[in-house]
Amino acid sequence: MSVDLAAVRERKRAMVAGGRENYASRLPQAGLDLVEGEARFTGPKTVEIALPDGGTREIGASVIVIDTGTRPRQLTISGAQSVPVLDSTSIMELGELPEHLITLGGGYRDPLVTCCG
């Protein structure tokens, strides 16, 4: 069996980019602004955002939503430190298929963690 992992990576990247663009393009129609950066609360109804260009922006509102996204958790089972461990992000960057693969977890409450060897 042959898999073109470069094509898989590019398709995944295009899907992620397309999803982000679709999401971002719909926000203004709903009267919402998307501000990208690292935010921290500076008061009960105020956040300061460190912008990607190096500047900052302070925003106040009665309701503030910070969409942090998700990240896979580190595998905490005994022995995991002694084997290569991939998560749902790093597995999509592989240059070749692993000879063996074990998948543990999955879903929004228990992010996918994959071990290979």
PDB file of N, CA and C in Angstrom:
ATOM      1  N   MET A   1       0.846  -1.176   0.000  1.00  0.00           N
ATOM      2  CA  MET A   1       0.000   0.000   0.000  1.00  0.00           C
ATOM      3  C   MET A   1       0.892   1.240   0.000  1.00  0.00           C
ATOM      4  N   SER A   2       0.534   2.213  -0.781  1.00  0.00           N
ATOM      5  CA  SER A   2       1.312   3.428  -0.916  1.00  0.00           C
ATOM      6  C   SER A   2       0.433   4.631  -0.581  1.00  0.00           C
ATOM      7  N   VAL A   3       0.972   5.548   0.214  1.00  0.00           N
ATOM      8  CA  VAL A   3       0.255   6.764   0.575  1.00  0.00           C
ATOM      9  C   VAL A   3       1.165   7.943   0.277  1.00  0.00           C
ATOM     10  N   ASP A   4       0.652   8.921  -0.421  1.00  0.00           N
ATOM     11  CA  ASP A   4       1.404  10.133  -0.719  1.00  0.00           C
ATOM     12  C   ASP A   4       1.203  11.098   0.448  1.00  0.00           C
ATOM     13  N   LEU A   5       2.098  11.021   1.456  1.00  0.00           N
ATOM     14  CA  LEU A   5       1.935  11.828   2.656  1.00  0.00           C
ATOM     15  C   LEU A   5       2.069  13.325   2.379  1.00  0.00           C
ATOM     16  N   ALA A   6       2.848  13.685   1.392  1.00  0.00           N
ATOM     17  CA  ALA A   6       2.955  15.108   1.044  1.00  0.00           C
ATOM     18  C   ALA A   6       1.593  15.631   0.570  1.00  0.00           C
ATOM     19  N   ALA A   7       0.889  14.829  -0.209  1.00  0.00           N
ATOM     20  CA  ALA A   7      -0.440  15.219  -0.681  1.00  0.00           C
ATOM     21  C   ALA A   7      -1.436  15.266   0.475  1.00  0.00           C
ATOM     22  N   VAL A   8      -1.319  14.328   1.402  1.00  0.00           N
ATOM     23  CA  VAL A   8      -2.189  14.317   2.578  1.00  0.00           C
ATOM     24  C   VAL A   8      -1.971  15.591   3.395  1.00  0.00           C
ATOM     25  N   ARG A   9      -0.700  15.945   3.632  1.00  0.00           N
ATOM     26  CA  ARG A   9      -0.388  17.160   4.392  1.00  0.00           C
ATOM     27  C   ARG A   9      -0.952  18.397   3.713  1.00  0.00           C
ATOM     28  N   GLU A  10      -0.742  18.509   2.417  1.00  0.00           N
ATOM     29  CA  GLU A  10      -1.224  19.682   1.688  1.00  0.00           C
ATOM     30  C   GLU A  10      -2.748  19.769   1.713  1.00  0.00           C
ATOM     31  N   ARG A  11      -3.419  18.626   1.589  1.00  0.00           N
ATOM     32  CA  ARG A  11      -4.887  18.626   1.647  1.00  0.00           C
ATOM     33  C   ARG A  11      -5.356  19.057   3.023  1.00  0.00           C
ATOM     34  N   LYS A  12      -4.703  18.552   4.075  1.00  0.00           N
ATOM     35  CA  LYS A  12      -5.063  18.939   5.445  1.00  0.00           C
ATOM     36  C   LYS A  12      -4.858  20.424   5.645  1.00  0.00           C
ATOM     37  N   ARG A  13      -3.714  20.940   5.192  1.00  0.00           N
ATOM     38  CA  ARG A  13      -3.424  22.364   5.353  1.00  0.00           C
ATOM     39  C   ARG A  13      -4.440  23.231   4.605  1.00  0.00           C
ATOM     40  N   ALA A  14      -4.814  22.798   3.405  1.00  0.00           N
ATOM     41  CA  ALA A  14      -5.808  23.540   2.622  1.00  0.00           C
ATOM     42  C   ALA A  14      -7.172  23.516   3.317  1.00  0.00           C
ATOM     43  N   MET A  15      -7.539  22.377   3.887  1.00  0.00           N
ATOM     44  CA  MET A  15      -8.822  22.271   4.593  1.00  0.00           C
ATOM     45  C   MET A  15      -8.840  23.172   5.830  1.00  0.00           C
ATOM     46  N   VAL A  16      -7.755  23.180   6.588  1.00  0.00           N
ATOM     47  CA  VAL A  16      -7.672  24.033   7.780  1.00  0.00           C
ATOM     48  C   VAL A  16      -7.735  25.504   7.371  1.00  0.00           C
ATOM     49  N   ALA A  17      -6.953  25.883   6.375  1.00  0.00           N
ATOM     50  CA  ALA A  17      -6.952  27.273   5.920  1.00  0.00           C
ATOM     51  C   ALA A  17      -8.327  27.678   5.399  1.00  0.00           C
ATOM     52  N   GLY A  18      -8.956  26.802   4.632  1.00  0.00           N
ATOM     53  CA  GLY A  18     -10.283  27.091   4.107  1.00  0.00           C
ATOM     54  C   GLY A  18     -11.314  27.244   5.212  1.00  0.00           C
ATOM     55  N   GLY A  19     -11.230  26.393   6.219  1.00  0.00           N
ATOM     56  CA  GLY A  19     -12.147  26.493   7.348  1.00  0.00           C
ATOM     57  C   GLY A  19     -11.959  27.796   8.109  1.00  0.00           C
ATOM     58  N   ARG A  20     -10.705  28.180   8.323  1.00  0.00           N
ATOM     59  CA  ARG A  20     -10.427  29.447   9.016  1.00  0.00           C
ATOM     60  C   ARG A  20     -10.943  30.631   8.211  1.00  0.00           C
ATOM     61  N   GLU A  21     -10.674  30.620   6.910  1.00  0.00           N
ATOM     62  CA  GLU A  21     -11.130  31.720   6.059  1.00  0.00           C
ATOM     63  C   GLU A  21     -12.650  31.809   6.044  1.00  0.00           C
ATOM     64  N   ASN A  22     -13.326  30.666   5.963  1.00  0.00           N
ATOM     65  CA  ASN A  22     -14.786  30.642   5.960  1.00  0.00           C
ATOM     66  C   ASN A  22     -15.327  31.208   7.270  1.00  0.00           C
ATOM     67  N   TYR A  23     -14.760  30.765   8.385  1.00  0.00           N
ATOM     68  CA  TYR A  23     -15.185  31.240   9.701  1.00  0.00           C
ATOM     69  C   TYR A  23     -14.969  32.745   9.811  1.00  0.00           C
ATOM     70  N   ALA A  24     -13.771  33.203   9.468  1.00  0.00           N
ATOM     71  CA  ALA A  24     -13.439  34.624   9.589  1.00  0.00           C
ATOM     72  C   ALA A  24     -14.309  35.487   8.670  1.00  0.00           C
ATOM     73  N   SER A  25     -14.620  35.000   7.478  1.00  0.00           N
ATOM     74  CA  SER A  25     -15.400  35.801   6.532  1.00  0.00           C
ATOM     75  C   SER A  25     -16.851  35.964   6.976  1.00  0.00           C
ATOM     76  N   ARG A  26     -17.354  35.057   7.803  1.00  0.00           N
ATOM     77  CA  ARG A  26     -18.749  35.133   8.249  1.00  0.00           C
ATOM     78  C   ARG A  26     -18.933  36.024   9.470  1.00  0.00           C
ATOM     79  N   LEU A  27     -17.874  36.325  10.189  1.00  0.00           N
ATOM     80  CA  LEU A  27     -17.995  37.119  11.411  1.00  0.00           C
ATOM     81  C   LEU A  27     -18.543  38.524  11.175  1.00  0.00           C
ATOM     82  N   PRO A  28     -18.037  39.279  10.182  1.00  0.00           N
ATOM     83  CA  PRO A  28     -18.565  40.638   9.972  1.00  0.00           C
ATOM     84  C   PRO A  28     -20.063  40.654   9.654  1.00  0.00           C
ATOM     85  N   GLN A  29     -20.550  39.620   8.969  1.00  0.00           N
ATOM     86  CA  GLN A  29     -21.969  39.543   8.655  1.00  0.00           C
ATOM     87  C   GLN A  29     -22.816  39.460   9.920  1.00  0.00           C
ATOM     88  N   ALA A  30     -22.218  38.932  10.979  1.00  0.00           N
ATOM     89  CA  ALA A  30     -22.912  38.813  12.260  1.00  0.00           C
ATOM     90  C   ALA A  30     -22.606  39.996  13.175  1.00  0.00           C
ATOM     91  N   GLY A  31     -21.889  41.002  12.656  1.00  0.00           N
ATOM     92  CA  GLY A  31     -21.551  42.166  13.456  1.00  0.00           C
ATOM     93  C   GLY A  31     -20.426  41.915  14.445  1.00  0.00           C
ATOM     94  N   LEU A  32     -19.573  40.949  14.149  1.00  0.00           N
ATOM     95  CA  LEU A  32     -18.479  40.585  15.049  1.00  0.00           C
ATOM     96  C   LEU A  32     -17.133  40.936  14.440  1.00  0.00           C
ATOM     97  N   ASP A  33     -16.164  41.240  15.290  1.00  0.00           N
ATOM     98  CA  ASP A  33     -14.796  41.499  14.858  1.00  0.00           C
ATOM     99  C   ASP A  33     -13.915  40.344  15.299  1.00  0.00           C
ATOM    100  N   LEU A  34     -13.013  39.939  14.439  1.00  0.00           N
ATOM    101  CA  LEU A  34     -12.010  38.933  14.781  1.00  0.00           C
ATOM    102  C   LEU A  34     -10.700  39.657  15.027  1.00  0.00           C
ATOM    103  N   VAL A  35     -10.146  39.478  16.219  1.00  0.00           N
ATOM    104  CA  VAL A  35      -8.867  40.072  16.572  1.00  0.00           C
ATOM    105  C   VAL A  35      -7.945  38.923  16.931  1.00  0.00           C
ATOM    106  N   GLU A  36      -6.872  38.742  16.171  1.00  0.00           N
ATOM    107  CA  GLU A  36      -5.954  37.643  16.424  1.00  0.00           C
ATOM    108  C   GLU A  36      -4.776  38.130  17.247  1.00  0.00           C
ATOM    109  N   GLY A  37      -4.372  37.304  18.209  1.00  0.00           N
ATOM    110  CA  GLY A  37      -3.250  37.630  19.061  1.00  0.00           C
ATOM    111  C   GLY A  37      -3.354  36.858  20.360  1.00  0.00           C
ATOM    112  N   GLU A  38      -2.546  37.262  21.336  1.00  0.00           N
ATOM    113  CA  GLU A  38      -2.588  36.649  22.658  1.00  0.00           C
ATOM    114  C   GLU A  38      -3.247  37.626  23.608  1.00  0.00           C
ATOM    115  N   ALA A  39      -4.346  37.186  24.223  1.00  0.00           N
ATOM    116  CA  ALA A  39      -5.137  38.086  25.066  1.00  0.00           C
ATOM    117  C   ALA A  39      -4.975  37.761  26.538  1.00  0.00           C
ATOM    118  N   ARG A  40      -5.137  38.803  27.335  1.00  0.00           N
ATOM    119  CA  ARG A  40      -5.176  38.621  28.783  1.00  0.00           C
ATOM    120  C   ARG A  40      -6.171  39.631  29.341  1.00  0.00           C
ATOM    121  N   PHE A  41      -6.871  39.187  30.376  1.00  0.00           N
ATOM    122  CA  PHE A  41      -7.819  40.086  31.014  1.00  0.00           C
ATOM    123  C   PHE A  41      -7.056  41.125  31.824  1.00  0.00           C
ATOM    124  N   THR A  42      -7.462  42.389  31.657  1.00  0.00           N
ATOM    125  CA  THR A  42      -6.873  43.471  32.443  1.00  0.00           C
ATOM    126  C   THR A  42      -7.905  44.048  33.411  1.00  0.00           C
ATOM    127  N   GLY A  43      -9.126  43.579  33.329  1.00  0.00           N
ATOM    128  CA  GLY A  43     -10.212  44.001  34.207  1.00  0.00           C
ATOM    129  C   GLY A  43     -11.391  43.072  34.001  1.00  0.00           C
ATOM    130  N   PRO A  44     -12.466  43.266  34.756  1.00  0.00           N
ATOM    131  CA  PRO A  44     -13.617  42.362  34.656  1.00  0.00           C
ATOM    132  C   PRO A  44     -14.244  42.303  33.256  1.00  0.00           C
ATOM    133  N   LYS A  45     -14.154  43.395  32.504  1.00  0.00           N
ATOM    134  CA  LYS A  45     -14.762  43.439  31.166  1.00  0.00           C
ATOM    135  C   LYS A  45     -13.807  44.038  30.150  1.00  0.00           C
ATOM    136  N   THR A  46     -12.509  43.813  30.373  1.00  0.00           N
ATOM    137  CA  THR A  46     -11.495  44.393  29.499  1.00  0.00           C
ATOM    138  C   THR A  46     -10.389  43.370  29.234  1.00  0.00           C
ATOM    139  N   VAL A  47      -9.964  43.294  27.969  1.00  0.00           N
ATOM    140  CA  VAL A  47      -8.816  42.461  27.617  1.00  0.00           C
ATOM    141  C   VAL A  47      -7.801  43.295  26.860  1.00  0.00           C
ATOM    142  N   GLU A  48      -6.543  42.910  27.017  1.00  0.00           N
ATOM    143  CA  GLU A  48      -5.466  43.492  26.230  1.00  0.00           C
ATOM    144  C   GLU A  48      -4.944  42.396  25.322  1.00  0.00           C
ATOM    145  N   ILE A  49      -4.812  42.706  24.044  1.00  0.00           N
ATOM    146  CA  ILE A  49      -4.394  41.718  23.057  1.00  0.00           C
ATOM    147  C   ILE A  49      -3.030  42.104  22.519  1.00  0.00           C
ATOM    148  N   ALA A  50      -2.078  41.184  22.634  1.00  0.00           N
ATOM    149  CA  ALA A  50      -0.767  41.357  22.001  1.00  0.00           C
ATOM    150  C   ALA A  50      -0.940  40.903  20.559  1.00  0.00           C
ATOM    151  N   LEU A  51      -0.832  41.833  19.629  1.00  0.00           N
ATOM    152  CA  LEU A  51      -1.086  41.567  18.217  1.00  0.00           C
ATOM    153  C   LEU A  51       0.142  40.950  17.548  1.00  0.00           C
ATOM    154  N   PRO A  52      -0.066  40.176  16.488  1.00  0.00           N
ATOM    155  CA  PRO A  52       1.055  39.535  15.799  1.00  0.00           C
ATOM    156  C   PRO A  52       2.106  40.503  15.276  1.00  0.00           C
ATOM    157  N   ASP A  53       1.708  41.750  14.980  1.00  0.00           N
ATOM    158  CA  ASP A  53       2.666  42.729  14.453  1.00  0.00           C
ATOM    159  C   ASP A  53       3.487  43.400  15.545  1.00  0.00           C
ATOM    160  N   GLY A  54       3.251  43.024  16.808  1.00  0.00           N
ATOM    161  CA  GLY A  54       4.012  43.582  17.915  1.00  0.00           C
ATOM    162  C   GLY A  54       3.265  44.639  18.713  1.00  0.00           C
ATOM    163  N   GLY A  55       2.185  45.160  18.176  1.00  0.00           N
ATOM    164  CA  GLY A  55       1.400  46.156  18.897  1.00  0.00           C
ATOM    165  C   GLY A  55       0.454  45.511  19.899  1.00  0.00           C
ATOM    166  N   THR A  56      -0.320  46.339  20.569  1.00  0.00           N
ATOM    167  CA  THR A  56      -1.338  45.848  21.490  1.00  0.00           C
ATOM    168  C   THR A  56      -2.647  46.571  21.211  1.00  0.00           C
ATOM    169  N   ARG A  57      -3.720  45.947  21.655  1.00  0.00           N
ATOM    170  CA  ARG A  57      -5.045  46.553  21.517  1.00  0.00           C
ATOM    171  C   ARG A  57      -5.834  46.215  22.774  1.00  0.00           C
ATOM    172  N   GLU A  58      -6.491  47.218  23.341  1.00  0.00           N
ATOM    173  CA  GLU A  58      -7.322  46.974  24.511  1.00  0.00           C
ATOM    174  C   GLU A  58      -8.780  47.070  24.086  1.00  0.00           C
ATOM    175  N   ILE A  59      -9.566  46.098  24.521  1.00  0.00           N
ATOM    176  CA  ILE A  59     -10.979  46.051  24.153  1.00  0.00           C
ATOM    177  C   ILE A  59     -11.796  45.857  25.420  1.00  0.00           C
ATOM    178  N   GLY A  60     -12.883  46.604  25.517  1.00  0.00           N
ATOM    179  CA  GLY A  60     -13.826  46.426  26.609  1.00  0.00           C
ATOM    180  C   GLY A  60     -15.188  46.069  26.046  1.00  0.00           C
ATOM    181  N   ALA A  61     -15.899  45.201  26.724  1.00  0.00           N
ATOM    182  CA  ALA A  61     -17.235  44.796  26.281  1.00  0.00           C
ATOM    183  C   ALA A  61     -17.961  44.133  27.438  1.00  0.00           C
ATOM    184  N   SER A  62     -19.288  44.108  27.350  1.00  0.00           N
ATOM    185  CA  SER A  62     -20.062  43.444  28.401  1.00  0.00           C
ATOM    186  C   SER A  62     -19.897  41.934  28.346  1.00  0.00           C
ATOM    187  N   VAL A  63     -19.633  41.412  27.132  1.00  0.00           N
ATOM    188  CA  VAL A  63     -19.359  39.986  26.961  1.00  0.00           C
ATOM    189  C   VAL A  63     -18.108  39.850  26.105  1.00  0.00           C
ATOM    190  N   ILE A  64     -17.140  39.090  26.607  1.00  0.00           N
ATOM    191  CA  ILE A  64     -15.903  38.858  25.868  1.00  0.00           C
ATOM    192  C   ILE A  64     -15.745  37.357  25.672  1.00  0.00           C
ATOM    193  N   VAL A  65     -15.521  36.946  24.412  1.00  0.00           N
ATOM    194  CA  VAL A  65     -15.308  35.541  24.099  1.00  0.00           C
ATOM    195  C   VAL A  65     -13.885  35.387  23.600  1.00  0.00           C
ATOM    196  N   ILE A  66     -13.116  34.548  24.278  1.00  0.00           N
ATOM    197  CA  ILE A  66     -11.761  34.241  23.831  1.00  0.00           C
ATOM    198  C   ILE A  66     -11.775  32.796  23.355  1.00  0.00           C
ATOM    199  N   ASP A  67     -11.621  32.628  22.052  1.00  0.00           N
ATOM    200  CA  ASP A  67     -11.630  31.300  21.444  1.00  0.00           C
ATOM    201  C   ASP A  67     -10.200  30.776  21.437  1.00  0.00           C
ATOM    202  N   THR A  68      -9.885  29.921  22.374  1.00  0.00           N
ATOM    203  CA  THR A  68      -8.517  29.438  22.514  1.00  0.00           C
ATOM    204  C   THR A  68      -8.221  28.244  21.633  1.00  0.00           C
ATOM    205  N   GLY A  69      -9.237  27.679  21.012  1.00  0.00           N
ATOM    206  CA  GLY A  69      -9.011  26.471  20.226  1.00  0.00           C
ATOM    207  C   GLY A  69      -8.678  25.303  21.138  1.00  0.00           C
ATOM    208  N   THR A  70      -8.122  24.272  20.562  1.00  0.00           N
ATOM    209  CA  THR A  70      -7.748  23.113  21.374  1.00  0.00           C
ATOM    210  C   THR A  70      -6.356  22.670  20.996  1.00  0.00           C
ATOM    211  N   ARG A  71      -5.741  21.980  21.911  1.00  0.00           N
ATOM    212  CA  ARG A  71      -4.427  21.390  21.672  1.00  0.00           C
ATOM    213  C   ARG A  71      -4.421  20.012  22.299  1.00  0.00           C
ATOM    214  N   PRO A  72      -3.750  19.063  21.673  1.00  0.00           N
ATOM    215  CA  PRO A  72      -3.679  17.730  22.262  1.00  0.00           C
ATOM    216  C   PRO A  72      -2.936  17.751  23.599  1.00  0.00           C
ATOM    217  N   ARG A  73      -3.362  16.879  24.491  1.00  0.00           N
ATOM    218  CA  ARG A  73      -2.681  16.738  25.781  1.00  0.00           C
ATOM    219  C   ARG A  73      -1.486  15.817  25.645  1.00  0.00           C
ATOM    220  N   GLN A  74      -0.512  16.026  26.537  1.00  0.00           N
ATOM    221  CA  GLN A  74       0.628  15.117  26.614  1.00  0.00           C
ATOM    222  C   GLN A  74       0.123  13.758  27.104  1.00  0.00           C
ATOM    223  N   LEU A  75       0.705  12.701  26.605  1.00  0.00           N
ATOM    224  CA  LEU A  75       0.365  11.351  27.037  1.00  0.00           C
ATOM    225  C   LEU A  75       1.007  11.123  28.399  1.00  0.00           C
ATOM    226  N   THR A  76       0.212  10.762  29.406  1.00  0.00           N
ATOM    227  CA  THR A  76       0.721  10.658  30.775  1.00  0.00           C
ATOM    228  C   THR A  76       0.762   9.227  31.296  1.00  0.00           C
ATOM    229  N   ILE A  77       0.674   8.224  30.418  1.00  0.00           N
ATOM    230  CA  ILE A  77       0.736   6.853  30.908  1.00  0.00           C
ATOM    231  C   ILE A  77       2.189   6.409  31.042  1.00  0.00           C
ATOM    232  N   SER A  78       2.417   5.517  31.977  1.00  0.00           N
ATOM    233  CA  SER A  78       3.762   5.038  32.268  1.00  0.00           C
ATOM    234  C   SER A  78       4.412   4.449  31.016  1.00  0.00           C
ATOM    235  N   GLY A  79       5.655   4.816  30.764  1.00  0.00           N
ATOM    236  CA  GLY A  79       6.412   4.295  29.639  1.00  0.00           C
ATOM    237  C   GLY A  79       6.302   5.106  28.369  1.00  0.00           C
ATOM    238  N   ALA A  80       5.381   6.063  28.325  1.00  0.00           N
ATOM    239  CA  ALA A  80       5.174   6.841  27.098  1.00  0.00           C
ATOM    240  C   ALA A  80       6.415   7.655  26.729  1.00  0.00           C
ATOM    241  N   GLN A  81       7.232   8.003  27.714  1.00  0.00           N
ATOM    242  CA  GLN A  81       8.416   8.804  27.450  1.00  0.00           C
ATOM    243  C   GLN A  81       9.485   8.020  26.699  1.00  0.00           C
ATOM    244  N   SER A  82       9.375   6.685  26.676  1.00  0.00           N
ATOM    245  CA  SER A  82      10.418   5.861  26.058  1.00  0.00           C
ATOM    246  C   SER A  82      10.092   5.454  24.617  1.00  0.00           C
ATOM    247  N   VAL A  83       8.990   5.944  24.068  1.00  0.00           N
ATOM    248  CA  VAL A  83       8.624   5.633  22.684  1.00  0.00           C
ATOM    249  C   VAL A  83       8.287   6.928  21.951  1.00  0.00           C
ATOM    250  N   PRO A  84       8.409   6.916  20.623  1.00  0.00           N
ATOM    251  CA  PRO A  84       7.977   8.100  19.872  1.00  0.00           C
ATOM    252  C   PRO A  84       6.469   8.293  20.051  1.00  0.00           C
ATOM    253  N   VAL A  85       6.051   9.502  20.373  1.00  0.00           N
ATOM    254  CA  VAL A  85       4.635   9.806  20.563  1.00  0.00           C
ATOM    255  C   VAL A  85       4.248  10.921  19.596  1.00  0.00           C
ATOM    256  N   LEU A  86       3.168  10.701  18.893  1.00  0.00           N
ATOM    257  CA  LEU A  86       2.619  11.701  17.980  1.00  0.00           C
ATOM    258  C   LEU A  86       1.249  12.100  18.485  1.00  0.00           C
ATOM    259  N   ASP A  87       0.834  13.307  18.176  1.00  0.00           N
ATOM    260  CA  ASP A  87      -0.529  13.718  18.486  1.00  0.00           C
ATOM    261  C   ASP A  87      -1.248  14.028  17.171  1.00  0.00           C
ATOM    262  N   SER A  88      -2.461  14.511  17.270  1.00  0.00           N
ATOM    263  CA  SER A  88      -3.267  14.734  16.066  1.00  0.00           C
ATOM    264  C   SER A  88      -2.683  15.812  15.166  1.00  0.00           C
ATOM    265  N   THR A  89      -1.794  16.627  15.683  1.00  0.00           N
ATOM    266  CA  THR A  89      -1.123  17.632  14.861  1.00  0.00           C
ATOM    267  C   THR A  89       0.144  17.060  14.233  1.00  0.00           C
ATOM    268  N   SER A  90       1.010  16.493  15.063  1.00  0.00           N
ATOM    269  CA  SER A  90       2.301  16.032  14.552  1.00  0.00           C
ATOM    270  C   SER A  90       2.178  14.836  13.610  1.00  0.00           C
ATOM    271  N   ILE A  91       1.152  14.019  13.768  1.00  0.00           N
ATOM    272  CA  ILE A  91       1.007  12.869  12.860  1.00  0.00           C
ATOM    273  C   ILE A  91       0.749  13.332  11.424  1.00  0.00           C
ATOM    274  N   MET A  92       0.144  14.509  11.287  1.00  0.00           N
ATOM    275  CA  MET A  92      -0.146  15.029   9.952  1.00  0.00           C
ATOM    276  C   MET A  92       1.091  15.617   9.275  1.00  0.00           C
ATOM    277  N   GLU A  93       2.211  15.654   9.980  1.00  0.00           N
ATOM    278  CA  GLU A  93       3.455  16.185   9.414  1.00  0.00           C
ATOM    279  C   GLU A  93       4.473  15.089   9.129  1.00  0.00           C
ATOM    280  N   LEU A  94       4.092  13.822   9.272  1.00  0.00           N
ATOM    281  CA  LEU A  94       5.023  12.726   9.017  1.00  0.00           C
ATOM    282  C   LEU A  94       5.468  12.705   7.559  1.00  0.00           C
ATOM    283  N   GLY A  95       6.723  12.358   7.344  1.00  0.00           N
ATOM    284  CA  GLY A  95       7.254  12.226   5.993  1.00  0.00           C
ATOM    285  C   GLY A  95       7.060  10.832   5.425  1.00  0.00           C
ATOM    286  N   GLU A  96       6.856   9.850   6.315  1.00  0.00           N
ATOM    287  CA  GLU A  96       6.613   8.481   5.868  1.00  0.00           C
ATOM    288  C   GLU A  96       5.722   7.776   6.871  1.00  0.00           C
ATOM    289  N   LEU A  97       5.038   6.742   6.402  1.00  0.00           N
ATOM    290  CA  LEU A  97       4.151   5.985   7.274  1.00  0.00           C
ATOM    291  C   LEU A  97       4.959   5.179   8.279  1.00  0.00           C
ATOM    292  N   PRO A  98       4.543   5.170   9.557  1.00  0.00           N
ATOM    293  CA  PRO A  98       5.236   4.328  10.535  1.00  0.00           C
ATOM    294  C   PRO A  98       4.934   2.854  10.257  1.00  0.00           C
ATOM    295  N   GLU A  99       5.872   2.000  10.638  1.00  0.00           N
ATOM    296  CA  GLU A  99       5.688   0.567  10.451  1.00  0.00           C
ATOM    297  C   GLU A  99       4.571   0.033  11.348  1.00  0.00           C
ATOM    298  N   HIS A 100       4.480   0.565  12.579  1.00  0.00           N
ATOM    299  CA  HIS A 100       3.443   0.165  13.534  1.00  0.00           C
ATOM    300  C   HIS A 100       2.804   1.422  14.100  1.00  0.00           C
ATOM    301  N   LEU A 101       1.540   1.306  14.489  1.00  0.00           N
ATOM    302  CA  LEU A 101       0.814   2.463  14.995  1.00  0.00           C
ATOM    303  C   LEU A 101      -0.216   2.010  16.014  1.00  0.00           C
ATOM    304  N   ILE A 102      -0.275   2.661  17.161  1.00  0.00           N
ATOM    305  CA  ILE A 102      -1.299   2.415  18.169  1.00  0.00           C
ATOM    306  C   ILE A 102      -1.970   3.754  18.442  1.00  0.00           C
ATOM    307  N   THR A 103      -3.289   3.791  18.421  1.00  0.00           N
ATOM    308  CA  THR A 103      -4.022   5.022  18.673  1.00  0.00           C
ATOM    309  C   THR A 103      -4.743   4.915  20.008  1.00  0.00           C
ATOM    310  N   LEU A 104      -4.564   5.935  20.840  1.00  0.00           N
ATOM    311  CA  LEU A 104      -5.195   5.994  22.159  1.00  0.00           C
ATOM    312  C   LEU A 104      -6.041   7.249  22.241  1.00  0.00           C
ATOM    313  N   GLY A 105      -7.239   7.136  22.779  1.00  0.00           N
ATOM    314  CA  GLY A 105      -8.084   8.305  23.011  1.00  0.00           C
ATOM    315  C   GLY A 105      -8.753   8.788  21.748  1.00  0.00           C
ATOM    316  N   GLY A 106      -9.227   9.989  21.798  1.00  0.00           N
ATOM    317  CA  GLY A 106      -9.897  10.611  20.663  1.00  0.00           C
ATOM    318  C   GLY A 106     -11.119  11.370  21.124  1.00  0.00           C
ATOM    319  N   GLY A 107     -11.537  12.337  20.358  1.00  0.00           N
ATOM    320  CA  GLY A 107     -12.702  13.132  20.715  1.00  0.00           C
ATOM    321  C   GLY A 107     -12.305  14.426  21.398  1.00  0.00           C
ATOM    322  N   TYR A 108     -13.272  15.293  21.613  1.00  0.00           N
ATOM    323  CA  TYR A 108     -12.989  16.621  22.151  1.00  0.00           C
ATOM    324  C   TYR A 108     -12.607  16.603  23.622  1.00  0.00           C
ATOM    325  N   ARG A 109     -12.989  15.586  24.370  1.00  0.00           N
ATOM    326  CA  ARG A 109     -12.632  15.543  25.796  1.00  0.00           C
ATOM    327  C   ARG A 109     -11.308  14.844  26.023  1.00  0.00           C
ATOM    328  N   ASP A 110     -10.892  14.015  25.088  1.00  0.00           N
ATOM    329  CA  ASP A 110      -9.655  13.252  25.223  1.00  0.00           C
ATOM    330  C   ASP A 110      -8.952  13.306  23.878  1.00  0.00           C
ATOM    331  N   PRO A 111      -8.213  14.404  23.598  1.00  0.00           N
ATOM    332  CA  PRO A 111      -7.629  14.579  22.272  1.00  0.00           C
ATOM    333  C   PRO A 111      -6.812  13.372  21.824  1.00  0.00           C
ATOM    334  N   LEU A 112      -6.877  13.117  20.537  1.00  0.00           N
ATOM    335  CA  LEU A 112      -6.175  11.979  19.940  1.00  0.00           C
ATOM    336  C   LEU A 112      -4.702  12.007  20.271  1.00  0.00           C
ATOM    337  N   VAL A 113      -4.206  10.900  20.755  1.00  0.00           N
ATOM    338  CA  VAL A 113      -2.787  10.732  21.013  1.00  0.00           C
ATOM    339  C   VAL A 113      -2.377   9.441  20.333  1.00  0.00           C
ATOM    340  N   THR A 114      -1.352   9.509  19.525  1.00  0.00           N
ATOM    341  CA  THR A 114      -0.953   8.360  18.753  1.00  0.00           C
ATOM    342  C   THR A 114       0.492   8.010  19.045  1.00  0.00           C
ATOM    343  N   CYS A 115       0.756   6.728  19.211  1.00  0.00           N
ATOM    344  CA  CYS A 115       2.121   6.270  19.440  1.00  0.00           C
ATOM    345  C   CYS A 115       2.560   5.447  18.240  1.00  0.00           C
ATOM    346  N   CYS A 116       3.729   5.551  17.877  1.00  0.00           N
ATOM    347  CA  CYS A 116       4.194   4.724  16.767  1.00  0.00           C
ATOM    348  C   CYS A 116       5.573   4.181  17.121  1.00  0.00           C
ATOM    349  N   GLY A 117       5.972   3.138  16.431  1.00  0.00           N
ATOM    350  CA  GLY A 117       7.284   2.567  16.673  1.00  0.00           C
ATOM    351  C   GLY A 117       7.684   1.652  15.569  1.00  0.00           C
TER     352      GLY A 117
END
